[in-house]
């Protein structure tokens, strides 16, 4: 199964924290530009950045992403 970041869920999980605060919580491993694009739904994070994002947000994949089923028909 694949996942896709849900921008609304991501923004909700960030809450009142600024993008800058999330970047700081990530130890600078993600950028404000990354976060902005993920929240807009225009980019998806790499697995490495997803792990960093989840840790910075203290979140699970289920809290910020939706499953995507692929059809090979």
N, C-alpha and C. Protein backbone atom coordinates (compact mmCIF):
# COMPACT_ATOMS: atom_id res chain seq x y z
N UNK A 1 0.84 -1.18 0.00
CA UNK A 1 0.00 0.00 0.00
C UNK A 1 0.88 1.24 0.00
N UNK A 2 0.43 2.22 -0.71
CA UNK A 2 1.13 3.50 -0.77
C UNK A 2 0.34 4.53 0.02
N UNK A 3 1.02 5.61 0.37
CA UNK A 3 0.35 6.70 1.10
C UNK A 3 0.58 8.01 0.35
N UNK A 4 -0.29 8.95 0.64
CA UNK A 4 -0.16 10.31 0.11
C UNK A 4 -0.45 11.27 1.25
N UNK A 5 0.43 12.23 1.43
CA UNK A 5 0.22 13.23 2.48
C UNK A 5 -1.07 13.98 2.18
N UNK A 6 -1.91 14.10 3.19
CA UNK A 6 -3.15 14.85 3.08
C UNK A 6 -2.85 16.26 3.60
N UNK A 7 -2.85 17.27 2.74
CA UNK A 7 -2.49 18.62 3.17
C UNK A 7 -3.32 19.13 4.35
N UNK A 8 -4.61 18.86 4.35
CA UNK A 8 -5.46 19.33 5.44
C UNK A 8 -5.06 18.68 6.77
N UNK A 9 -4.79 17.39 6.74
CA UNK A 9 -4.37 16.69 7.95
C UNK A 9 -3.02 17.20 8.44
N UNK A 10 -2.11 17.47 7.49
CA UNK A 10 -0.79 17.97 7.85
C UNK A 10 -0.89 19.34 8.52
N UNK A 11 -1.68 20.21 7.93
CA UNK A 11 -1.86 21.55 8.51
C UNK A 11 -2.52 21.45 9.88
N UNK A 12 -3.50 20.57 10.01
CA UNK A 12 -4.18 20.40 11.29
C UNK A 12 -3.20 19.89 12.35
N UNK A 13 -2.35 18.94 11.98
CA UNK A 13 -1.39 18.39 12.95
C UNK A 13 -0.34 19.42 13.33
N UNK A 14 0.04 20.31 12.40
CA UNK A 14 0.99 21.37 12.75
C UNK A 14 0.38 22.31 13.77
N UNK A 15 -0.93 22.50 13.68
CA UNK A 15 -1.64 23.32 14.66
C UNK A 15 -1.20 24.77 14.63
N UNK A 16 -0.95 25.31 15.81
CA UNK A 16 -0.59 26.72 15.92
C UNK A 16 0.92 26.96 15.76
N UNK A 17 1.66 25.88 15.59
CA UNK A 17 3.11 26.02 15.42
C UNK A 17 3.40 26.56 14.02
N UNK A 18 4.39 27.42 13.94
CA UNK A 18 4.78 27.98 12.64
C UNK A 18 5.61 26.95 11.87
N UNK A 19 5.72 27.18 10.59
CA UNK A 19 6.58 26.32 9.78
C UNK A 19 8.02 26.38 10.30
N UNK A 20 8.45 27.56 10.69
CA UNK A 20 9.81 27.75 11.22
C UNK A 20 10.01 26.85 12.45
N UNK A 21 9.01 26.76 13.31
CA UNK A 21 9.13 25.92 14.50
C UNK A 21 9.27 24.44 14.12
N UNK A 22 8.54 24.01 13.10
CA UNK A 22 8.65 22.62 12.66
C UNK A 22 10.03 22.37 12.07
N UNK A 23 10.54 23.31 11.31
CA UNK A 23 11.89 23.20 10.76
C UNK A 23 12.91 23.06 11.90
N UNK A 24 12.76 23.87 12.92
CA UNK A 24 13.67 23.81 14.07
C UNK A 24 13.55 22.46 14.78
N UNK A 25 12.31 21.97 14.94
CA UNK A 25 12.11 20.67 15.58
C UNK A 25 12.71 19.53 14.76
N UNK A 26 12.85 19.75 13.46
CA UNK A 26 13.44 18.73 12.59
C UNK A 26 14.97 18.80 12.60
N UNK A 27 15.51 19.75 13.31
CA UNK A 27 16.96 19.92 13.31
C UNK A 27 17.47 20.47 12.00
N UNK A 28 16.60 21.14 11.26
CA UNK A 28 16.98 21.72 9.98
C UNK A 28 17.02 20.70 8.84
N UNK A 29 16.50 19.51 9.08
CA UNK A 29 16.54 18.46 8.06
C UNK A 29 15.44 18.62 7.00
N UNK A 30 14.44 19.44 7.32
CA UNK A 30 13.45 19.82 6.32
C UNK A 30 13.43 21.34 6.26
N UNK A 31 12.98 21.89 5.16
CA UNK A 31 12.96 23.34 5.00
C UNK A 31 11.53 23.87 5.04
N UNK A 32 11.42 25.17 5.24
CA UNK A 32 10.09 25.79 5.19
C UNK A 32 9.48 25.61 3.81
N UNK A 33 10.32 25.63 2.77
CA UNK A 33 9.82 25.44 1.41
C UNK A 33 9.25 24.03 1.25
N UNK A 34 9.96 23.02 1.78
CA UNK A 34 9.43 21.65 1.74
C UNK A 34 8.06 21.60 2.39
N UNK A 35 7.97 22.10 3.59
CA UNK A 35 6.74 22.06 4.36
C UNK A 35 5.61 22.80 3.64
N UNK A 36 5.93 23.94 3.07
CA UNK A 36 4.95 24.72 2.33
C UNK A 36 4.39 23.92 1.15
N UNK A 37 5.26 23.27 0.41
CA UNK A 37 4.82 22.47 -0.74
C UNK A 37 4.03 21.24 -0.30
N UNK A 38 4.42 20.63 0.80
CA UNK A 38 3.66 19.47 1.30
C UNK A 38 2.27 19.91 1.74
N UNK A 39 2.20 21.06 2.40
CA UNK A 39 0.90 21.56 2.86
C UNK A 39 0.02 22.00 1.70
N UNK A 40 0.62 22.39 0.59
CA UNK A 40 -0.15 22.78 -0.59
C UNK A 40 -0.54 21.56 -1.43
N UNK A 41 0.09 20.42 -1.15
CA UNK A 41 -0.21 19.21 -1.90
C UNK A 41 0.53 19.13 -3.22
N UNK A 42 1.49 20.02 -3.44
CA UNK A 42 2.20 20.02 -4.72
C UNK A 42 3.42 19.10 -4.72
N UNK A 43 3.92 18.74 -3.56
CA UNK A 43 5.04 17.80 -3.44
C UNK A 43 4.68 16.75 -2.41
N UNK A 44 5.36 15.60 -2.50
CA UNK A 44 5.28 14.55 -1.49
C UNK A 44 6.69 14.35 -0.94
N UNK A 45 6.83 14.14 0.37
CA UNK A 45 8.17 13.97 0.93
C UNK A 45 8.77 12.61 0.58
N UNK A 46 10.09 12.57 0.54
CA UNK A 46 10.79 11.30 0.41
C UNK A 46 10.57 10.53 1.70
N UNK A 47 10.87 9.26 1.70
CA UNK A 47 10.71 8.45 2.91
C UNK A 47 11.56 9.00 4.04
N UNK A 48 12.78 9.42 3.73
CA UNK A 48 13.67 9.97 4.75
C UNK A 48 13.08 11.25 5.35
N UNK A 49 12.59 12.14 4.50
CA UNK A 49 12.01 13.39 5.01
C UNK A 49 10.69 13.14 5.73
N UNK A 50 9.94 12.15 5.28
CA UNK A 50 8.69 11.80 5.97
C UNK A 50 8.97 11.37 7.40
N UNK A 51 10.00 10.57 7.59
CA UNK A 51 10.37 10.13 8.95
C UNK A 51 10.72 11.33 9.83
N UNK A 52 11.48 12.27 9.28
CA UNK A 52 11.87 13.47 10.02
C UNK A 52 10.63 14.30 10.34
N UNK A 53 9.74 14.46 9.37
CA UNK A 53 8.53 15.23 9.56
C UNK A 53 7.66 14.62 10.66
N UNK A 54 7.49 13.31 10.61
CA UNK A 54 6.67 12.64 11.63
C UNK A 54 7.25 12.85 13.03
N UNK A 55 8.56 12.76 13.14
CA UNK A 55 9.19 12.97 14.44
C UNK A 55 9.01 14.42 14.91
N UNK A 56 9.21 15.38 14.01
CA UNK A 56 9.06 16.80 14.36
C UNK A 56 7.63 17.12 14.80
N UNK A 57 6.66 16.48 14.16
CA UNK A 57 5.25 16.72 14.49
C UNK A 57 4.75 15.84 15.63
N UNK A 58 5.57 14.86 16.03
CA UNK A 58 5.14 13.84 17.00
C UNK A 58 3.85 13.20 16.49
N UNK A 59 3.91 12.73 15.24
CA UNK A 59 2.72 12.21 14.56
C UNK A 59 2.98 10.81 14.02
N UNK A 60 1.90 10.15 13.67
CA UNK A 60 1.98 8.88 12.96
C UNK A 60 1.61 9.13 11.50
N UNK A 61 1.96 8.19 10.66
CA UNK A 61 1.61 8.31 9.24
C UNK A 61 0.10 8.46 9.09
N UNK A 62 -0.65 7.68 9.84
CA UNK A 62 -2.11 7.71 9.73
C UNK A 62 -2.70 9.08 10.05
N UNK A 63 -2.00 9.87 10.88
CA UNK A 63 -2.51 11.18 11.27
C UNK A 63 -2.36 12.23 10.18
N UNK A 64 -1.43 12.02 9.24
CA UNK A 64 -1.20 13.06 8.23
C UNK A 64 -1.31 12.57 6.79
N UNK A 65 -1.59 11.28 6.60
CA UNK A 65 -1.62 10.73 5.24
C UNK A 65 -2.84 9.86 5.02
N UNK A 66 -3.13 9.64 3.76
CA UNK A 66 -4.22 8.76 3.34
C UNK A 66 -3.64 7.62 2.52
N UNK A 67 -4.23 6.44 2.62
CA UNK A 67 -3.76 5.33 1.78
C UNK A 67 -4.16 5.56 0.33
N UNK A 68 -3.34 5.08 -0.56
CA UNK A 68 -3.61 5.17 -2.00
C UNK A 68 -3.49 3.76 -2.58
N UNK A 69 -4.53 3.34 -3.26
CA UNK A 69 -4.49 2.04 -3.90
C UNK A 69 -4.18 2.23 -5.37
N UNK A 70 -3.27 1.42 -5.85
CA UNK A 70 -2.89 1.49 -7.26
C UNK A 70 -3.54 0.34 -8.00
N UNK A 71 -4.03 0.63 -9.17
CA UNK A 71 -4.62 -0.40 -10.01
C UNK A 71 -3.70 -0.61 -11.21
N UNK A 72 -3.33 -1.84 -11.44
CA UNK A 72 -2.45 -2.15 -12.56
C UNK A 72 -3.24 -2.76 -13.70
N UNK A 73 -4.48 -2.39 -13.82
CA UNK A 73 -5.35 -2.93 -14.88
C UNK A 73 -5.06 -2.32 -16.22
